[in-house]
Amino acid sequence: MKKLLLFVVIAFVSFCANAQFYLGGTAGISVNTVDRYATTSAVICPELGYKFNQIWAVGASIDAGYSNERGGYGIIGFAPYARAIFAHVQSVSFFADAALPYYTLISDGDSESMFSIGLRPGFLVNLNDSLQLQARATFVSIGLSGNNTSIGLAIANEFSLGVIYNF
């Protein structure tokens, strides 16, 4: 039993020694106009992730924000994702995130839950060995809203900009 425990501890320490964890976040704004009515949403999203290699990474963000649509509501959510980096050009890396965000919208004591699957392309600019500038947009998403039990497809115009620190 002691040998097994020692083996697990050594394996864990060696795994962490080569760890490529990153911490950062984005802030985003979305402006939509439908029938001359403009809505604006703002969100802040701290995130934590792990790079398996130069191509694959996984991570998650905790999102919080506000929108003035439908009289105004708060947004809180959790968005895990898998990232594939598909091109490197000098100090810029291009990626696509496959995300599974879950959000709760809160307005006047009522709440509505939403789940979606989305594709988020973006790029990372290496500022130095540890710091990267991150930009991404939501290209397309398919969502399911809990209270209305509706399914929708959206081609969004959301853009977010943030910073990533690599450990």
Foldseek 3Di string as FASTA:
>chain_A
DVVVVVVVVVVVVVCVVPWWKKWKWKKWKFWDADPNDIKIKIKIWIKIKTAPDPFKIKIKTWMWIKMPPPNIWIKTKMKIWIKGFDDDDPQKTKIKIFIWMWMWIGDPNDIKIKTKTWIKIWMWGDPDPFKIKIKIFTQKMWMAIDPVRDIDIDGGGMMIIMMMGID
